[in-house]
Amino acid sequence: MMTALKAGIIGLGVGESHIRGYEEHPDCSLLALCDIDESKREYLAYRYPEARLYPCAEQLIDDPDVNVVSIASFDEDHFNQICGALTSGKHVFVEKPLCQSQQEMSSIRRLLVDQPSLKLSSNLKLRTCPRFVEVREMIANQAFGQIYYLEADYNYGRLSKLTDGWRGKQKFYSVVYGGGIHVVDLLMWLTNDRVNKVSAFGNDISTSGSEFRHKDMVVSTLSFESGMVGKVAINFGCVSPHFHKLSVYGTNATFENRTHAGLIYKDRDKNIEPIIITSPYPGTEKHSLIPSFLDSIMGIGLAVVDERVVFDSMSVCLAIEQAVNDSKIVTVEYGD
């Protein structure tokens, strides 16, 4: 009989939104919470009086009763915390990014090979957006004909997160790893296709003069195994609200995502109105992927985002970052 799941969460900024996913699952309970901020722990003690509270990640990971760990700490801490949790025999749900280098990803992969019963997932939540789910089904049913080009923009619209928040205080921060990974994963998931080569350029114009010392804007072209071409843009400095721009171009139809609806064009005649898709966007929450992750641990379902998805999306993002730094076309290394 499967042991009941007992979850611990590291990092209670965005990590607090994970709580609902664990509390609402019938086979899981919230056991422990960790945050380095004392005032945050005081709040947590009041808000979740039954939970064990820890000031550092290692203490939560070492708790023998915790068997599922959510990691929502600073990006640069993810790798060591993932390795610690997996080495301790715990399943891991991690906020993006998984890690920050090819070497780190290879180490995580080896730990999972050595412990095949453990599950790993990450919060690539655009896969649960109802509008994008509908578009994916239409692509699978050939409603667009043959897809030849896609583009997706991660328009963050929250520049202060770089200039005034924790991201600007990190030794390294990648907008590709921390935001762009959502749209990279979106394009591969929509088409069930893999990226094989990338090129990319970026700049730091929007954050010039601030403490943030890295690229705040990156554009990458993607070559897919099927022959499709794609483009992703990661734009943290845009003077517009947070939005996932998506366009899908097929031989029979075109899709464009708008804030309040999706539009499908089936004719080149400007006088013919597009078909309107009203399914919700974004229509997803930060805890939306946790139930299927827990189901996969219990053996009663499949995770929407499994470890292969995590590794594939991270592999493409690592290649994009390398392409920006080296100003050359980079072949994606999947390592499988």
C-alpha atoms as a PDB file:
ATOM      1  CA  MET A   1       0.000   0.000   0.000  1.00  0.00           C
ATOM      2  CA  MET A   2       1.305   3.441  -0.944  1.00  0.00           C
ATOM      3  CA  THR A   3       2.466   5.565   1.995  1.00  0.00           C
ATOM      4  CA  ALA A   4       0.416   8.721   2.536  1.00  0.00           C
ATOM      5  CA  LEU A   5       2.079  11.774   1.050  1.00  0.00           C
ATOM      6  CA  LYS A   6       3.360  14.465   3.382  1.00  0.00           C
ATOM      7  CA  ALA A   7       4.536  17.646   1.721  1.00  0.00           C
ATOM      8  CA  GLY A   8       7.061  20.280   2.664  1.00  0.00           C
ATOM      9  CA  ILE A   9       7.474  23.612   0.870  1.00  0.00           C
ATOM     10  CA  ILE A  10      10.728  25.583   0.649  1.00  0.00           C
ATOM     11  CA  GLY A  11      10.280  29.283  -0.071  1.00  0.00           C
ATOM     12  CA  LEU A  12       6.963  30.843   0.843  1.00  0.00           C
ATOM     13  CA  GLY A  13       6.842  33.661  -1.658  1.00  0.00           C
ATOM     14  CA  VAL A  14       5.382  31.958  -4.718  1.00  0.00           C
ATOM     15  CA  GLY A  15       5.593  28.732  -2.713  1.00  0.00           C
ATOM     16  CA  GLU A  16       2.613  29.751  -0.608  1.00  0.00           C
ATOM     17  CA  SER A  17       0.444  29.291  -3.705  1.00  0.00           C
ATOM     18  CA  HIS A  18       1.508  25.612  -3.768  1.00  0.00           C
ATOM     19  CA  ILE A  19      -0.186  24.955  -0.428  1.00  0.00           C
ATOM     20  CA  ARG A  20      -3.670  24.698  -1.903  1.00  0.00           C
ATOM     21  CA  GLY A  21      -2.557  21.992  -4.342  1.00  0.00           C
ATOM     22  CA  TYR A  22      -1.309  19.793  -1.507  1.00  0.00           C
ATOM     23  CA  GLU A  23      -4.133  20.487   0.933  1.00  0.00           C
ATOM     24  CA  GLU A  24      -6.844  19.692  -1.602  1.00  0.00           C
ATOM     25  CA  HIS A  25      -5.410  16.313  -2.638  1.00  0.00           C
ATOM     26  CA  PRO A  26      -7.113  13.426  -0.791  1.00  0.00           C
ATOM     27  CA  ASP A  27      -3.871  11.444  -0.368  1.00  0.00           C
ATOM     28  CA  CYS A  28      -1.630  14.293   0.779  1.00  0.00           C
ATOM     29  CA  SER A  29      -1.225  16.538   3.784  1.00  0.00           C
ATOM     30  CA  LEU A  30       0.865  19.647   4.330  1.00  0.00           C
ATOM     31  CA  LEU A  31       3.488  18.847   6.950  1.00  0.00           C
ATOM     32  CA  ALA A  32       6.296  21.419   6.847  1.00  0.00           C
ATOM     33  CA  LEU A  33       7.111  24.925   5.639  1.00  0.00           C
ATOM     34  CA  CYS A  34      10.460  26.675   5.259  1.00  0.00           C
ATOM     35  CA  ASP A  35      11.425  30.284   4.707  1.00  0.00           C
ATOM     36  CA  ILE A  36      14.609  32.190   5.541  1.00  0.00           C
ATOM     37  CA  ASP A  37      12.597  35.305   6.469  1.00  0.00           C
ATOM     38  CA  GLU A  38      11.703  35.333  10.162  1.00  0.00           C
ATOM     39  CA  SER A  39       8.702  37.625   9.674  1.00  0.00           C
ATOM     40  CA  LYS A  40       7.382  35.251   7.035  1.00  0.00           C
ATOM     41  CA  ARG A  41       7.740  32.315   9.438  1.00  0.00           C
ATOM     42  CA  GLU A  42       5.831  34.263  12.098  1.00  0.00           C
ATOM     43  CA  TYR A  43       3.022  34.787   9.607  1.00  0.00           C
ATOM     44  CA  LEU A  44       3.098  31.102   8.651  1.00  0.00           C
ATOM     45  CA  ALA A  45       2.917  30.050  12.304  1.00  0.00           C
ATOM     46  CA  TYR A  46      -0.306  32.038  12.603  1.00  0.00           C
ATOM     47  CA  ARG A  47      -1.737  31.009   9.237  1.00  0.00           C
ATOM     48  CA  TYR A  48      -0.771  27.300   9.371  1.00  0.00           C
ATOM     49  CA  PRO A  49      -0.450  26.410  13.065  1.00  0.00           C
ATOM     50  CA  GLU A  50      -0.234  22.658  12.431  1.00  0.00           C
ATOM     51  CA  ALA A  51       2.752  22.880  10.084  1.00  0.00           C
ATOM     52  CA  ARG A  52       6.347  22.346  11.167  1.00  0.00           C
ATOM     53  CA  LEU A  53       8.375  25.505  10.489  1.00  0.00           C
ATOM     54  CA  TYR A  54      12.021  25.546   9.456  1.00  0.00           C
ATOM     55  CA  PRO A  55      14.427  28.465   8.883  1.00  0.00           C
ATOM     56  CA  CYS A  56      16.597  26.636   6.358  1.00  0.00           C
ATOM     57  CA  ALA A  57      15.969  24.195   3.519  1.00  0.00           C
ATOM     58  CA  GLU A  58      18.310  21.516   4.815  1.00  0.00           C
ATOM     59  CA  GLN A  59      16.234  21.070   7.968  1.00  0.00           C
ATOM     60  CA  LEU A  60      13.048  20.502   5.985  1.00  0.00           C
ATOM     61  CA  ILE A  61      14.786  18.113   3.586  1.00  0.00           C
ATOM     62  CA  ASP A  62      16.174  16.164   6.562  1.00  0.00           C
ATOM     63  CA  ASP A  63      12.719  15.778   8.129  1.00  0.00           C
ATOM     64  CA  PRO A  64      12.118  12.013   7.872  1.00  0.00           C
ATOM     65  CA  ASP A  65       8.350  12.436   7.697  1.00  0.00           C
ATOM     66  CA  VAL A  66       8.406  14.655   4.601  1.00  0.00           C
ATOM     67  CA  ASN A  67       8.304  12.616   1.383  1.00  0.00           C
ATOM     68  CA  VAL A  68       7.332  15.315  -1.154  1.00  0.00           C
ATOM     69  CA  VAL A  69       9.218  18.611  -1.447  1.00  0.00           C
ATOM     70  CA  SER A  70       8.132  21.759  -3.266  1.00  0.00           C
ATOM     71  CA  ILE A  71      11.061  24.047  -4.063  1.00  0.00           C
ATOM     72  CA  ALA A  72      10.209  27.714  -4.604  1.00  0.00           C
ATOM     73  CA  SER A  73      13.413  29.328  -3.372  1.00  0.00           C
ATOM     74  CA  PHE A  74      15.818  31.607  -5.245  1.00  0.00           C
ATOM     75  CA  ASP A  75      16.797  30.209  -8.642  1.00  0.00           C
ATOM     76  CA  GLU A  76      20.449  29.735  -7.707  1.00  0.00           C
ATOM     77  CA  ASP A  77      19.436  27.481  -4.785  1.00  0.00           C
ATOM     78  CA  HIS A  78      17.266  25.071  -6.778  1.00  0.00           C
ATOM     79  CA  PHE A  79      20.005  22.663  -7.833  1.00  0.00           C
ATOM     80  CA  ASN A  80      21.418  21.934  -4.367  1.00  0.00           C
ATOM     81  CA  GLN A  81      17.949  21.621  -2.861  1.00  0.00           C
ATOM     82  CA  ILE A  82      16.750  19.269  -5.618  1.00  0.00           C
ATOM     83  CA  CYS A  83      19.827  17.079  -5.164  1.00  0.00           C
ATOM     84  CA  GLY A  84      19.385  17.062  -1.390  1.00  0.00           C
ATOM     85  CA  ALA A  85      15.738  16.068  -1.650  1.00  0.00           C
ATOM     86  CA  LEU A  86      16.321  13.331  -4.243  1.00  0.00           C
ATOM     87  CA  THR A  87      19.284  11.940  -2.301  1.00  0.00           C
ATOM     88  CA  SER A  88      16.991  11.772   0.743  1.00  0.00           C
ATOM     89  CA  GLY A  89      14.446   9.771  -1.256  1.00  0.00           C
ATOM     90  CA  LYS A  90      11.867  12.541  -1.662  1.00  0.00           C
ATOM     91  CA  HIS A  91       9.773  13.443  -4.705  1.00  0.00           C
ATOM     92  CA  VAL A  92      10.349  16.989  -6.022  1.00  0.00           C
ATOM     93  CA  PHE A  93       8.110  19.665  -7.497  1.00  0.00           C
ATOM     94  CA  VAL A  94      10.262  22.681  -8.391  1.00  0.00           C
ATOM     95  CA  GLU A  95       9.488  26.154  -9.614  1.00  0.00           C
ATOM     96  CA  LYS A  96      11.275  26.984 -12.838  1.00  0.00           C
ATOM     97  CA  PRO A  97      14.089  26.853 -13.558  1.00  0.00           C
ATOM     98  CA  LEU A  98      15.221  23.333 -12.774  1.00  0.00           C
ATOM     99  CA  CYS A  99      18.859  24.445 -12.642  1.00  0.00           C
ATOM    100  CA  GLN A 100      21.331  26.818 -14.279  1.00  0.00           C
ATOM    101  CA  SER A 101      23.779  24.673 -16.262  1.00  0.00           C
ATOM    102  CA  GLN A 102      24.098  21.544 -18.361  1.00  0.00           C
ATOM    103  CA  GLN A 103      26.303  19.986 -15.690  1.00  0.00           C
ATOM    104  CA  GLU A 104      23.696  20.551 -13.002  1.00  0.00           C
ATOM    105  CA  MET A 105      20.973  19.038 -15.160  1.00  0.00           C
ATOM    106  CA  SER A 106      23.114  15.964 -15.836  1.00  0.00           C
ATOM    107  CA  SER A 107      23.624  15.492 -12.099  1.00  0.00           C
ATOM    108  CA  ILE A 108      19.884  15.640 -11.444  1.00  0.00           C
ATOM    109  CA  ARG A 109      19.239  13.192 -14.253  1.00  0.00           C
ATOM    110  CA  ARG A 110      21.738  10.708 -12.766  1.00  0.00           C
ATOM    111  CA  LEU A 111      20.061  10.899  -9.357  1.00  0.00           C
ATOM    112  CA  LEU A 112      16.717  10.009 -10.938  1.00  0.00           C
ATOM    113  CA  VAL A 113      18.260   7.129 -12.881  1.00  0.00           C
ATOM    114  CA  ASP A 114      19.625   5.775  -9.610  1.00  0.00           C
ATOM    115  CA  GLN A 115      16.210   6.140  -7.932  1.00  0.00           C
ATOM    116  CA  PRO A 116      13.609   5.401 -10.617  1.00  0.00           C
ATOM    117  CA  SER A 117      10.700   5.377  -8.169  1.00  0.00           C
ATOM    118  CA  LEU A 118      11.106   9.110  -7.480  1.00  0.00           C
ATOM    119  CA  LYS A 119       9.100  11.699  -9.412  1.00  0.00           C
ATOM    120  CA  LEU A 120      10.220  15.141 -10.584  1.00  0.00           C
ATOM    121  CA  SER A 121       8.010  17.890 -11.961  1.00  0.00           C
ATOM    122  CA  SER A 122       8.146  21.639 -12.533  1.00  0.00           C
ATOM    123  CA  ASN A 123       5.607  24.435 -12.701  1.00  0.00           C
ATOM    124  CA  LEU A 124       5.196  24.811 -16.468  1.00  0.00           C
ATOM    125  CA  LYS A 125       1.603  25.804 -15.960  1.00  0.00           C
ATOM    126  CA  LEU A 126       0.651  27.078 -19.426  1.00  0.00           C
ATOM    127  CA  ARG A 127      -0.138  23.434 -20.215  1.00  0.00           C
ATOM    128  CA  THR A 128      -3.260  23.832 -18.070  1.00  0.00           C
ATOM    129  CA  CYS A 129      -4.511  27.025 -19.770  1.00  0.00           C
ATOM    130  CA  PRO A 130      -7.942  26.092 -21.217  1.00  0.00           C
ATOM    131  CA  ARG A 131      -7.482  28.210 -24.348  1.00  0.00           C
ATOM    132  CA  PHE A 132      -4.116  26.678 -25.143  1.00  0.00           C
ATOM    133  CA  VAL A 133      -5.473  23.181 -24.440  1.00  0.00           C
ATOM    134  CA  GLU A 134      -8.177  23.854 -27.036  1.00  0.00           C
ATOM    135  CA  VAL A 135      -5.627  25.075 -29.592  1.00  0.00           C
ATOM    136  CA  ARG A 136      -3.470  21.995 -28.997  1.00  0.00           C
ATOM    137  CA  GLU A 137      -6.439  19.720 -29.657  1.00  0.00           C
ATOM    138  CA  MET A 138      -7.186  21.592 -32.879  1.00  0.00           C
ATOM    139  CA  ILE A 139      -3.563  21.225 -34.012  1.00  0.00           C
ATOM    140  CA  ALA A 140      -3.676  17.481 -33.275  1.00  0.00           C
ATOM    141  CA  ASN A 141      -6.888  17.214 -35.315  1.00  0.00           C
ATOM    142  CA  GLN A 142      -5.247  18.955 -38.298  1.00  0.00           C
ATOM    143  CA  ALA A 143      -7.582  21.968 -38.072  1.00  0.00           C
ATOM    144  CA  PHE A 144      -4.697  24.250 -39.040  1.00  0.00           C
ATOM    145  CA  GLY A 145      -3.290  21.974 -41.726  1.00  0.00           C
ATOM    146  CA  GLN A 146       0.476  21.615 -41.511  1.00  0.00           C
ATOM    147  CA  ILE A 147       2.057  23.955 -38.956  1.00  0.00           C
ATOM    148  CA  TYR A 148       5.045  25.746 -40.444  1.00  0.00           C
ATOM    149  CA  TYR A 149       5.663  28.632 -37.997  1.00  0.00           C
ATOM    150  CA  LEU A 150       4.811  29.572 -34.409  1.00  0.00           C
ATOM    151  CA  GLU A 151       5.769  32.467 -32.208  1.00  0.00           C
ATOM    152  CA  ALA A 152       5.231  33.092 -28.525  1.00  0.00           C
ATOM    153  CA  ASP A 153       6.187  36.144 -26.476  1.00  0.00           C
ATOM    154  CA  TYR A 154       6.583  36.151 -22.715  1.00  0.00           C
ATOM    155  CA  ASN A 155       5.695  39.778 -22.036  1.00  0.00           C
ATOM    156  CA  TYR A 156       6.304  40.026 -18.313  1.00  0.00           C
ATOM    157  CA  GLY A 157       5.472  43.699 -17.827  1.00  0.00           C
ATOM    158  CA  ARG A 158       6.905  43.784 -14.293  1.00  0.00           C
ATOM    159  CA  LEU A 159      10.306  45.417 -14.667  1.00  0.00           C
ATOM    160  CA  SER A 160      10.566  46.218 -10.954  1.00  0.00           C
ATOM    161  CA  LYS A 161      10.881  42.481 -10.298  1.00  0.00           C
ATOM    162  CA  LEU A 162      14.338  42.764 -11.882  1.00  0.00           C
ATOM    163  CA  THR A 163      15.406  46.203 -10.720  1.00  0.00           C
ATOM    164  CA  ASP A 164      14.050  46.181  -7.156  1.00  0.00           C
ATOM    165  CA  GLY A 165      13.469  42.538  -6.231  1.00  0.00           C
ATOM    166  CA  TRP A 166      15.627  39.527  -5.374  1.00  0.00           C
ATOM    167  CA  ARG A 167      16.464  38.793  -9.017  1.00  0.00           C
ATOM    168  CA  GLY A 168      18.759  41.817  -9.191  1.00  0.00           C
ATOM    169  CA  LYS A 169      20.652  40.617  -6.140  1.00  0.00           C
ATOM    170  CA  GLN A 170      21.517  37.184  -7.544  1.00  0.00           C
ATOM    171  CA  LYS A 171      24.994  36.470  -8.922  1.00  0.00           C
ATOM    172  CA  PHE A 172      23.252  35.244 -12.058  1.00  0.00           C
ATOM    173  CA  TYR A 173      19.692  35.496 -13.278  1.00  0.00           C
ATOM    174  CA  SER A 174      18.367  34.452 -16.678  1.00  0.00           C
ATOM    175  CA  VAL A 175      15.069  35.801 -17.985  1.00  0.00           C
ATOM    176  CA  VAL A 176      15.106  32.799 -20.339  1.00  0.00           C
ATOM    177  CA  TYR A 177      15.259  30.303 -17.457  1.00  0.00           C
ATOM    178  CA  GLY A 178      12.964  32.257 -15.155  1.00  0.00           C
ATOM    179  CA  GLY A 179      10.267  33.293 -17.643  1.00  0.00           C
ATOM    180  CA  GLY A 180      10.979  32.275 -21.212  1.00  0.00           C
ATOM    181  CA  ILE A 181      10.880  28.595 -20.345  1.00  0.00           C
ATOM    182  CA  HIS A 182       7.072  28.895 -20.202  1.00  0.00           C
ATOM    183  CA  VAL A 183       6.739  29.829 -23.870  1.00  0.00           C
ATOM    184  CA  VAL A 184       9.505  27.443 -24.971  1.00  0.00           C
ATOM    185  CA  ASP A 185       7.591  24.603 -23.350  1.00  0.00           C
ATOM    186  CA  LEU A 186       4.307  25.917 -24.762  1.00  0.00           C
ATOM    187  CA  LEU A 187       5.487  25.656 -28.377  1.00  0.00           C
ATOM    188  CA  MET A 188       6.906  22.149 -27.964  1.00  0.00           C
ATOM    189  CA  TRP A 189       3.785  20.960 -26.140  1.00  0.00           C
ATOM    190  CA  LEU A 190       1.359  22.458 -28.667  1.00  0.00           C
ATOM    191  CA  THR A 191       3.059  20.725 -31.570  1.00  0.00           C
ATOM    192  CA  ASN A 192       4.436  17.604 -29.865  1.00  0.00           C
ATOM    193  CA  ASP A 193       7.745  18.480 -31.507  1.00  0.00           C
ATOM    194  CA  ARG A 194      11.290  19.078 -30.300  1.00  0.00           C
ATOM    195  CA  VAL A 195      13.626  21.987 -30.994  1.00  0.00           C
ATOM    196  CA  ASN A 196      16.978  20.931 -32.446  1.00  0.00           C
ATOM    197  CA  LYS A 197      18.798  24.250 -33.019  1.00  0.00           C
ATOM    198  CA  VAL A 198      18.487  27.810 -31.725  1.00  0.00           C
ATOM    199  CA  SER A 199      19.923  31.255 -32.309  1.00  0.00           C
ATOM    200  CA  ALA A 200      19.364  34.211 -30.010  1.00  0.00           C
ATOM    201  CA  PHE A 201      20.149  37.837 -29.216  1.00  0.00           C
ATOM    202  CA  GLY A 202      19.402  39.984 -26.205  1.00  0.00           C
ATOM    203  CA  ASN A 203      20.005  43.320 -24.528  1.00  0.00           C
ATOM    204  CA  ASP A 204      19.784  45.064 -21.162  1.00  0.00           C
ATOM    205  CA  ILE A 205      18.416  48.428 -22.253  1.00  0.00           C
ATOM    206  CA  SER A 206      15.333  48.393 -20.002  1.00  0.00           C
ATOM    207  CA  THR A 207      17.360  47.810 -16.819  1.00  0.00           C
ATOM    208  CA  SER A 208      20.273  50.080 -17.695  1.00  0.00           C
ATOM    209  CA  GLY A 209      21.491  51.970 -14.616  1.00  0.00           C
ATOM    210  CA  SER A 210      19.903  49.524 -12.147  1.00  0.00           C
ATOM    211  CA  GLU A 211      21.472  46.814  -9.987  1.00  0.00           C
ATOM    212  CA  PHE A 212      20.330  44.163 -12.450  1.00  0.00           C
ATOM    213  CA  ARG A 213      23.391  43.141 -14.462  1.00  0.00           C
ATOM    214  CA  HIS A 214      22.005  40.627 -16.962  1.00  0.00           C
ATOM    215  CA  LYS A 215      19.924  40.566 -20.150  1.00  0.00           C
ATOM    216  CA  ASP A 216      16.348  41.722 -19.576  1.00  0.00           C
ATOM    217  CA  MET A 217      15.192  40.982 -23.119  1.00  0.00           C
ATOM    218  CA  VAL A 218      15.991  37.963 -25.333  1.00  0.00           C
ATOM    219  CA  VAL A 219      14.676  36.905 -28.750  1.00  0.00           C
ATOM    220  CA  SER A 220      15.374  33.408 -30.061  1.00  0.00           C
ATOM    221  CA  THR A 221      14.606  31.626 -33.312  1.00  0.00           C
ATOM    222  CA  LEU A 222      13.953  27.889 -33.039  1.00  0.00           C
ATOM    223  CA  SER A 223      14.427  25.136 -35.603  1.00  0.00           C
ATOM    224  CA  PHE A 224      12.194  22.125 -34.903  1.00  0.00           C
ATOM    225  CA  GLU A 225      12.898  18.498 -35.788  1.00  0.00           C
ATOM    226  CA  SER A 226       9.846  18.439 -38.097  1.00  0.00           C
ATOM    227  CA  GLY A 227      11.093  21.397 -40.120  1.00  0.00           C
ATOM    228  CA  MET A 228       8.875  23.963 -38.402  1.00  0.00           C
ATOM    229  CA  VAL A 229      10.362  27.316 -37.439  1.00  0.00           C
ATOM    230  CA  GLY A 230       9.543  29.136 -34.213  1.00  0.00           C
ATOM    231  CA  LYS A 231      10.343  32.324 -32.358  1.00  0.00           C
ATOM    232  CA  VAL A 232      10.166  33.188 -28.687  1.00  0.00           C
ATOM    233  CA  ALA A 233      10.681  36.620 -27.139  1.00  0.00           C
ATOM    234  CA  ILE A 234      11.248  37.155 -23.439  1.00  0.00           C
ATOM    235  CA  ASN A 235      10.495  40.773 -22.577  1.00  0.00           C
ATOM    236  CA  PHE A 236      10.586  41.813 -18.926  1.00  0.00           C
ATOM    237  CA  GLY A 237      10.656  45.556 -19.671  1.00  0.00           C
ATOM    238  CA  CYS A 238       7.570  45.895 -21.850  1.00  0.00           C
ATOM    239  CA  VAL A 239       5.273  48.796 -20.947  1.00  0.00           C
ATOM    240  CA  SER A 240       2.160  46.633 -21.040  1.00  0.00           C
ATOM    241  CA  PRO A 241       0.434  44.115 -18.748  1.00  0.00           C
ATOM    242  CA  HIS A 242       1.706  40.569 -18.297  1.00  0.00           C
ATOM    243  CA  PHE A 243       0.644  38.536 -21.334  1.00  0.00           C
ATOM    244  CA  HIS A 244       1.526  35.411 -23.314  1.00  0.00           C
ATOM    245  CA  LYS A 245       1.341  36.366 -26.964  1.00  0.00           C
ATOM    246  CA  LEU A 246       0.890  33.330 -29.197  1.00  0.00           C
ATOM    247  CA  SER A 247       0.517  32.971 -32.960  1.00  0.00           C
ATOM    248  CA  VAL A 248       0.222  29.651 -34.783  1.00  0.00           C
ATOM    249  CA  TYR A 249       0.540  29.562 -38.575  1.00  0.00           C
ATOM    250  CA  GLY A 250      -0.675  26.544 -40.528  1.00  0.00           C
ATOM    251  CA  THR A 251      -1.355  25.898 -44.179  1.00  0.00           C
ATOM    252  CA  ASN A 252      -5.138  26.065 -43.538  1.00  0.00           C
ATOM    253  CA  ALA A 253      -5.564  28.490 -40.642  1.00  0.00           C
ATOM    254  CA  THR A 254      -3.899  30.974 -38.272  1.00  0.00           C
ATOM    255  CA  PHE A 255      -4.427  31.415 -34.522  1.00  0.00           C
ATOM    256  CA  GLU A 256      -3.748  34.580 -32.562  1.00  0.00           C
ATOM    257  CA  ASN A 257      -4.100  34.881 -28.801  1.00  0.00           C
ATOM    258  CA  ARG A 258      -5.675  38.090 -27.536  1.00  0.00           C
ATOM    259  CA  THR A 259      -6.394  39.104 -23.965  1.00  0.00           C
ATOM    260  CA  HIS A 260     -10.143  38.444 -24.034  1.00  0.00           C
ATOM    261  CA  ALA A 261     -10.377  35.856 -26.815  1.00  0.00           C
ATOM    262  CA  GLY A 262      -8.471  33.756 -29.296  1.00  0.00           C
ATOM    263  CA  LEU A 263      -8.932  34.393 -33.007  1.00  0.00           C
ATOM    264  CA  ILE A 264      -8.789  31.771 -35.759  1.00  0.00           C
ATOM    265  CA  TYR A 265      -8.453  33.019 -39.330  1.00  0.00           C
ATOM    266  CA  LYS A 266      -9.469  30.546 -42.021  1.00  0.00           C
ATOM    267  CA  ASP A 267      -9.398  32.878 -44.996  1.00  0.00           C
ATOM    268  CA  ARG A 268      -7.049  35.554 -46.362  1.00  0.00           C
ATOM    269  CA  ASP A 269      -9.985  37.792 -47.212  1.00  0.00           C
ATOM    270  CA  LYS A 270      -9.989  40.690 -44.724  1.00  0.00           C
ATOM    271  CA  ASN A 271     -13.784  40.921 -44.988  1.00  0.00           C
ATOM    272  CA  ILE A 272     -14.300  37.455 -43.512  1.00  0.00           C
ATOM    273  CA  GLU A 273     -14.482  37.552 -39.717  1.00  0.00           C
ATOM    274  CA  PRO A 274     -12.298  35.177 -37.701  1.00  0.00           C
ATOM    275  CA  ILE A 275     -13.692  32.414 -35.522  1.00  0.00           C
ATOM    276  CA  ILE A 276     -13.627  33.512 -31.881  1.00  0.00           C
ATOM    277  CA  ILE A 277     -12.430  31.164 -29.121  1.00  0.00           C
ATOM    278  CA  THR A 278     -13.715  32.222 -25.710  1.00  0.00           C
ATOM    279  CA  SER A 279     -12.182  29.513 -23.528  1.00  0.00           C
ATOM    280  CA  PRO A 280     -10.448  31.095 -20.524  1.00  0.00           C
ATOM    281  CA  TYR A 281      -7.002  32.625 -20.613  1.00  0.00           C
ATOM    282  CA  PRO A 282      -4.924  32.258 -18.573  1.00  0.00           C
ATOM    283  CA  GLY A 283      -7.440  30.227 -16.545  1.00  0.00           C
ATOM    284  CA  THR A 284      -4.712  28.517 -14.545  1.00  0.00           C
ATOM    285  CA  GLU A 285      -3.294  28.803 -11.030  1.00  0.00           C
ATOM    286  CA  LYS A 286       0.210  28.344  -9.622  1.00  0.00           C
ATOM    287  CA  HIS A 287      -0.904  25.122  -7.929  1.00  0.00           C
ATOM    288  CA  SER A 288      -2.716  23.683 -10.973  1.00  0.00           C
ATOM    289  CA  LEU A 289      -0.054  21.081 -11.814  1.00  0.00           C
ATOM    290  CA  ILE A 290       0.367  19.708  -8.297  1.00  0.00           C
ATOM    291  CA  PRO A 291      -2.673  17.340  -8.282  1.00  0.00           C
ATOM    292  CA  SER A 292      -1.504  15.389 -11.336  1.00  0.00           C
ATOM    293  CA  PHE A 293       2.045  15.307  -9.928  1.00  0.00           C
ATOM    294  CA  LEU A 294       0.722  13.732  -6.712  1.00  0.00           C
ATOM    295  CA  ASP A 295      -1.452  11.316  -8.708  1.00  0.00           C
ATOM    296  CA  SER A 296       1.650  10.145 -10.565  1.00  0.00           C
ATOM    297  CA  ILE A 297       3.404   9.448  -7.269  1.00  0.00           C
ATOM    298  CA  MET A 298       0.405   7.463  -6.061  1.00  0.00           C
ATOM    299  CA  GLY A 299       0.317   5.501  -9.328  1.00  0.00           C
ATOM    300  CA  ILE A 300      -3.223   6.590 -10.154  1.00  0.00           C
ATOM    301  CA  GLY A 301      -2.494   8.931 -13.059  1.00  0.00           C
ATOM    302  CA  LEU A 302       0.110  10.683 -15.167  1.00  0.00           C
ATOM    303  CA  ALA A 303       1.721  14.012 -14.375  1.00  0.00           C
ATOM    304  CA  VAL A 304       0.864  16.765 -16.845  1.00  0.00           C
ATOM    305  CA  VAL A 305       4.537  17.746 -16.569  1.00  0.00           C
ATOM    306  CA  ASP A 306       6.818  14.742 -16.085  1.00  0.00           C
ATOM    307  CA  GLU A 307      10.598  14.647 -15.821  1.00  0.00           C
ATOM    308  CA  ARG A 308      11.153  14.355 -19.579  1.00  0.00           C
ATOM    309  CA  VAL A 309       9.168  17.548 -20.141  1.00  0.00           C
ATOM    310  CA  VAL A 310      11.222  19.285 -17.455  1.00  0.00           C
ATOM    311  CA  PHE A 311      14.532  18.172 -18.986  1.00  0.00           C
ATOM    312  CA  ASP A 312      13.477  18.951 -22.568  1.00  0.00           C
ATOM    313  CA  SER A 313      12.344  22.510 -21.828  1.00  0.00           C
ATOM    314  CA  MET A 314      15.410  23.202 -19.714  1.00  0.00           C
ATOM    315  CA  SER A 315      17.684  21.827 -22.448  1.00  0.00           C
ATOM    316  CA  VAL A 316      16.296  24.287 -24.998  1.00  0.00           C
ATOM    317  CA  CYS A 317      16.615  27.198 -22.571  1.00  0.00           C
ATOM    318  CA  LEU A 318      20.229  26.309 -21.813  1.00  0.00           C
ATOM    319  CA  ALA A 319      20.906  26.345 -25.553  1.00  0.00           C
ATOM    320  CA  ILE A 320      19.204  29.744 -25.946  1.00  0.00           C
ATOM    321  CA  GLU A 321      21.291  31.239 -23.143  1.00  0.00           C
ATOM    322  CA  GLN A 322      24.441  29.848 -24.762  1.00  0.00           C
ATOM    323  CA  ALA A 323      23.391  31.264 -28.139  1.00  0.00           C
ATOM    324  CA  VAL A 324      22.970  34.724 -26.592  1.00  0.00           C
ATOM    325  CA  ASN A 325      26.370  34.578 -24.907  1.00  0.00           C
ATOM    326  CA  ASP A 326      28.285  33.092 -27.864  1.00  0.00           C
ATOM    327  CA  SER A 327      26.404  34.815 -30.719  1.00  0.00           C
ATOM    328  CA  LYS A 328      26.107  31.599 -32.693  1.00  0.00           C
ATOM    329  CA  ILE A 329      23.654  28.864 -33.627  1.00  0.00           C
ATOM    330  CA  VAL A 330      23.559  26.207 -30.905  1.00  0.00           C
ATOM    331  CA  THR A 331      22.431  22.586 -31.175  1.00  0.00           C
ATOM    332  CA  VAL A 332      20.198  21.525 -28.281  1.00  0.00           C
ATOM    333  CA  GLU A 333      21.710  18.795 -26.081  1.00  0.00           C
ATOM    334  CA  TYR A 334      18.922  16.658 -24.645  1.00  0.00           C
ATOM    335  CA  GLY A 335      21.114  14.027 -23.014  1.00  0.00           C
ATOM    336  CA  ASP A 336      18.755  11.098 -23.611  1.00  0.00           C
END
